[in-house]
Amino acid sequence: MAIADRYTEPDTRPAFVQWLDTLSPENRATVDGWLLNPSISNVKLIELIRDDDEDDGFVGYKASKDTVGPYRKKLRAS
């Protein structure tokens, strides 16, 4: 290990954002579509992303409305 590699900055992004970045491109596109879809409630979205799907390589995330709601609002505003 090179001396320059001994320290890396900690990832200070929210855990939800870190999780999103671990998704495959296909799964990320699907979840982003759900996040942007106003007809999907926060409760339903939380349900959709919670469970793993080993057949698709999807590792779920146990989010709360306090995580999903503000993130969706910020995403829609950008």
N, C-alpha and C. Protein backbone atom coordinates (compact mmCIF):
# COMPACT_ATOMS: atom_id res chain seq x y z
N MET A 1 0.86 -1.19 0.00
CA MET A 1 0.00 0.00 0.00
C MET A 1 0.89 1.24 0.00
N ALA A 2 0.63 2.12 -0.91
CA ALA A 2 1.37 3.37 -0.98
C ALA A 2 0.98 4.26 0.18
N ILE A 3 1.91 5.05 0.63
CA ILE A 3 1.64 5.94 1.77
C ILE A 3 0.48 6.89 1.49
N ALA A 4 0.32 7.28 0.24
CA ALA A 4 -0.78 8.19 -0.13
C ALA A 4 -2.14 7.53 0.03
N ASP A 5 -2.19 6.20 0.06
CA ASP A 5 -3.45 5.47 0.17
C ASP A 5 -3.84 5.17 1.61
N ARG A 6 -3.04 5.58 2.56
CA ARG A 6 -3.32 5.25 3.96
C ARG A 6 -4.52 5.99 4.53
N TYR A 7 -4.82 7.14 3.98
CA TYR A 7 -5.96 7.90 4.50
C TYR A 7 -6.84 8.30 3.34
N THR A 8 -8.12 8.04 3.49
CA THR A 8 -9.10 8.52 2.53
C THR A 8 -10.17 9.27 3.30
N GLU A 9 -10.72 10.25 2.67
CA GLU A 9 -11.77 11.05 3.31
C GLU A 9 -12.97 10.15 3.57
N PRO A 10 -13.58 10.28 4.75
CA PRO A 10 -14.78 9.50 5.02
C PRO A 10 -15.94 9.96 4.14
N ASP A 11 -16.79 9.03 3.80
CA ASP A 11 -17.97 9.35 2.99
C ASP A 11 -19.04 9.91 3.93
N THR A 12 -19.28 11.19 3.83
CA THR A 12 -20.21 11.86 4.74
C THR A 12 -21.60 12.04 4.13
N ARG A 13 -21.79 11.47 2.95
CA ARG A 13 -23.11 11.55 2.33
C ARG A 13 -24.10 10.73 3.15
N PRO A 14 -25.39 11.08 3.09
CA PRO A 14 -26.38 10.28 3.80
C PRO A 14 -26.34 8.82 3.34
N ALA A 15 -26.66 7.91 4.26
CA ALA A 15 -26.63 6.48 3.96
C ALA A 15 -27.53 6.12 2.78
N PHE A 16 -28.67 6.81 2.65
CA PHE A 16 -29.57 6.54 1.54
C PHE A 16 -28.90 6.85 0.20
N VAL A 17 -28.18 7.94 0.12
CA VAL A 17 -27.48 8.32 -1.11
C VAL A 17 -26.36 7.32 -1.39
N GLN A 18 -25.66 6.91 -0.35
CA GLN A 18 -24.62 5.91 -0.53
C GLN A 18 -25.22 4.60 -1.06
N TRP A 19 -26.37 4.21 -0.52
CA TRP A 19 -27.04 3.00 -1.00
C TRP A 19 -27.43 3.13 -2.47
N LEU A 20 -28.00 4.27 -2.84
CA LEU A 20 -28.38 4.48 -4.24
C LEU A 20 -27.18 4.28 -5.17
N ASP A 21 -26.02 4.74 -4.74
CA ASP A 21 -24.83 4.62 -5.57
C ASP A 21 -24.31 3.20 -5.69
N THR A 22 -24.80 2.27 -4.86
CA THR A 22 -24.38 0.88 -4.96
C THR A 22 -25.24 0.09 -5.95
N LEU A 23 -26.34 0.66 -6.39
CA LEU A 23 -27.25 -0.05 -7.29
C LEU A 23 -26.67 -0.20 -8.68
N SER A 24 -27.05 -1.28 -9.34
CA SER A 24 -26.67 -1.44 -10.75
C SER A 24 -27.34 -0.32 -11.54
N PRO A 25 -26.82 0.00 -12.72
CA PRO A 25 -27.44 1.07 -13.51
C PRO A 25 -28.92 0.83 -13.78
N GLU A 26 -29.30 -0.41 -14.04
CA GLU A 26 -30.70 -0.72 -14.32
C GLU A 26 -31.57 -0.51 -13.08
N ASN A 27 -31.10 -1.03 -11.95
CA ASN A 27 -31.86 -0.86 -10.72
C ASN A 27 -31.90 0.60 -10.28
N ARG A 28 -30.82 1.33 -10.50
CA ARG A 28 -30.79 2.75 -10.14
C ARG A 28 -31.81 3.51 -10.97
N ALA A 29 -31.89 3.21 -12.25
CA ALA A 29 -32.86 3.88 -13.12
C ALA A 29 -34.29 3.59 -12.65
N THR A 30 -34.53 2.36 -12.25
CA THR A 30 -35.86 2.00 -11.75
C THR A 30 -36.19 2.77 -10.48
N VAL A 31 -35.27 2.77 -9.52
CA VAL A 31 -35.52 3.45 -8.25
C VAL A 31 -35.64 4.96 -8.47
N ASP A 32 -34.82 5.53 -9.33
CA ASP A 32 -34.94 6.97 -9.63
C ASP A 32 -36.30 7.27 -10.24
N GLY A 33 -36.79 6.39 -11.09
CA GLY A 33 -38.13 6.57 -11.66
C GLY A 33 -39.20 6.56 -10.59
N TRP A 34 -39.07 5.63 -9.63
CA TRP A 34 -40.02 5.60 -8.52
C TRP A 34 -39.94 6.87 -7.69
N LEU A 35 -38.72 7.34 -7.44
CA LEU A 35 -38.54 8.54 -6.62
C LEU A 35 -39.17 9.76 -7.27
N LEU A 36 -39.11 9.83 -8.59
CA LEU A 36 -39.64 10.98 -9.31
C LEU A 36 -41.13 10.87 -9.64
N ASN A 37 -41.71 9.71 -9.45
CA ASN A 37 -43.11 9.49 -9.81
C ASN A 37 -44.03 9.97 -8.69
N PRO A 38 -44.76 11.06 -8.92
CA PRO A 38 -45.62 11.60 -7.86
C PRO A 38 -46.81 10.71 -7.52
N SER A 39 -47.12 9.74 -8.37
CA SER A 39 -48.25 8.86 -8.06
C SER A 39 -47.88 7.73 -7.10
N ILE A 40 -46.58 7.58 -6.82
CA ILE A 40 -46.12 6.58 -5.84
C ILE A 40 -45.93 7.30 -4.51
N SER A 41 -46.68 6.88 -3.52
CA SER A 41 -46.56 7.52 -2.20
C SER A 41 -45.23 7.14 -1.54
N ASN A 42 -44.85 7.94 -0.55
CA ASN A 42 -43.64 7.62 0.21
C ASN A 42 -43.75 6.26 0.88
N VAL A 43 -44.93 5.94 1.39
CA VAL A 43 -45.14 4.64 2.05
C VAL A 43 -44.93 3.50 1.06
N LYS A 44 -45.49 3.63 -0.13
CA LYS A 44 -45.33 2.60 -1.15
C LYS A 44 -43.88 2.50 -1.60
N LEU A 45 -43.21 3.63 -1.77
CA LEU A 45 -41.82 3.64 -2.18
C LEU A 45 -40.94 2.92 -1.15
N ILE A 46 -41.18 3.20 0.11
CA ILE A 46 -40.43 2.55 1.19
C ILE A 46 -40.63 1.03 1.11
N GLU A 47 -41.84 0.63 0.82
CA GLU A 47 -42.14 -0.80 0.67
C GLU A 47 -41.41 -1.39 -0.53
N LEU A 48 -41.37 -0.66 -1.64
CA LEU A 48 -40.74 -1.15 -2.86
C LEU A 48 -39.24 -1.35 -2.70
N ILE A 49 -38.57 -0.47 -1.97
CA ILE A 49 -37.11 -0.56 -1.87
C ILE A 49 -36.63 -1.38 -0.68
N ARG A 50 -37.52 -1.81 0.17
CA ARG A 50 -37.13 -2.49 1.41
C ARG A 50 -36.54 -3.88 1.19
N ASP A 51 -37.15 -4.69 0.38
CA ASP A 51 -36.78 -6.10 0.29
C ASP A 51 -35.72 -6.37 -0.78
N ASP A 52 -34.82 -7.29 -0.43
CA ASP A 52 -33.81 -7.74 -1.38
C ASP A 52 -34.46 -8.56 -2.49
N ASP A 53 -33.83 -8.58 -3.64
CA ASP A 53 -34.24 -9.45 -4.75
C ASP A 53 -32.96 -10.08 -5.29
N GLU A 54 -32.62 -11.25 -4.77
CA GLU A 54 -31.38 -11.91 -5.15
C GLU A 54 -31.32 -12.22 -6.64
N ASP A 55 -32.45 -12.52 -7.25
CA ASP A 55 -32.48 -12.83 -8.69
C ASP A 55 -32.03 -11.65 -9.53
N ASP A 56 -32.26 -10.45 -9.03
CA ASP A 56 -31.93 -9.23 -9.77
C ASP A 56 -30.70 -8.52 -9.19
N GLY A 57 -30.10 -9.08 -8.14
CA GLY A 57 -28.94 -8.45 -7.52
C GLY A 57 -29.30 -7.18 -6.76
N PHE A 58 -30.56 -7.06 -6.36
CA PHE A 58 -31.03 -5.85 -5.68
C PHE A 58 -30.94 -6.06 -4.17
N VAL A 59 -30.15 -5.21 -3.51
CA VAL A 59 -30.05 -5.23 -2.06
C VAL A 59 -30.93 -4.09 -1.55
N GLY A 60 -31.95 -4.44 -0.81
CA GLY A 60 -32.92 -3.45 -0.35
C GLY A 60 -32.36 -2.49 0.68
N TYR A 61 -33.14 -1.47 0.97
CA TYR A 61 -32.77 -0.45 1.95
C TYR A 61 -33.98 -0.17 2.82
N LYS A 62 -33.78 -0.19 4.11
CA LYS A 62 -34.87 0.08 5.05
C LYS A 62 -34.90 1.59 5.34
N ALA A 63 -35.62 2.30 4.51
CA ALA A 63 -35.74 3.75 4.63
C ALA A 63 -36.95 4.12 5.47
N SER A 64 -36.98 5.35 5.90
CA SER A 64 -38.14 5.88 6.62
C SER A 64 -38.71 7.05 5.83
N LYS A 65 -39.89 7.49 6.24
CA LYS A 65 -40.49 8.65 5.55
C LYS A 65 -39.63 9.89 5.75
N ASP A 66 -38.89 9.94 6.86
CA ASP A 66 -38.02 11.09 7.12
C ASP A 66 -36.79 11.10 6.21
N THR A 67 -36.49 9.97 5.62
CA THR A 67 -35.41 9.89 4.65
C THR A 67 -35.93 10.13 3.24
N VAL A 68 -36.97 9.40 2.88
CA VAL A 68 -37.48 9.42 1.51
C VAL A 68 -38.15 10.74 1.16
N GLY A 69 -38.98 11.26 2.05
CA GLY A 69 -39.72 12.49 1.76
C GLY A 69 -38.83 13.67 1.40
N PRO A 70 -37.88 14.04 2.27
CA PRO A 70 -36.99 15.16 1.93
C PRO A 70 -36.13 14.90 0.70
N TYR A 71 -35.68 13.66 0.52
CA TYR A 71 -34.86 13.35 -0.65
C TYR A 71 -35.67 13.53 -1.93
N ARG A 72 -36.90 13.06 -1.93
CA ARG A 72 -37.75 13.21 -3.11
C ARG A 72 -38.02 14.68 -3.41
N LYS A 73 -38.28 15.45 -2.37
CA LYS A 73 -38.54 16.87 -2.56
C LYS A 73 -37.32 17.56 -3.18
N LYS A 74 -36.15 17.24 -2.66
CA LYS A 74 -34.90 17.82 -3.18
C LYS A 74 -34.65 17.38 -4.62
N LEU A 75 -34.91 16.10 -4.91
CA LEU A 75 -34.70 15.56 -6.24
C LEU A 75 -35.64 16.22 -7.25
N ARG A 76 -36.88 16.41 -6.88
CA ARG A 76 -37.84 17.04 -7.80
C ARG A 76 -37.54 18.51 -8.04
N ALA A 77 -36.92 19.17 -7.04
CA ALA A 77 -36.62 20.59 -7.18
C ALA A 77 -35.41 20.83 -8.08
N SER A 78 -34.59 19.79 -8.28
CA SER A 78 -33.38 20.00 -9.09
C SER A 78 -33.62 19.78 -10.56
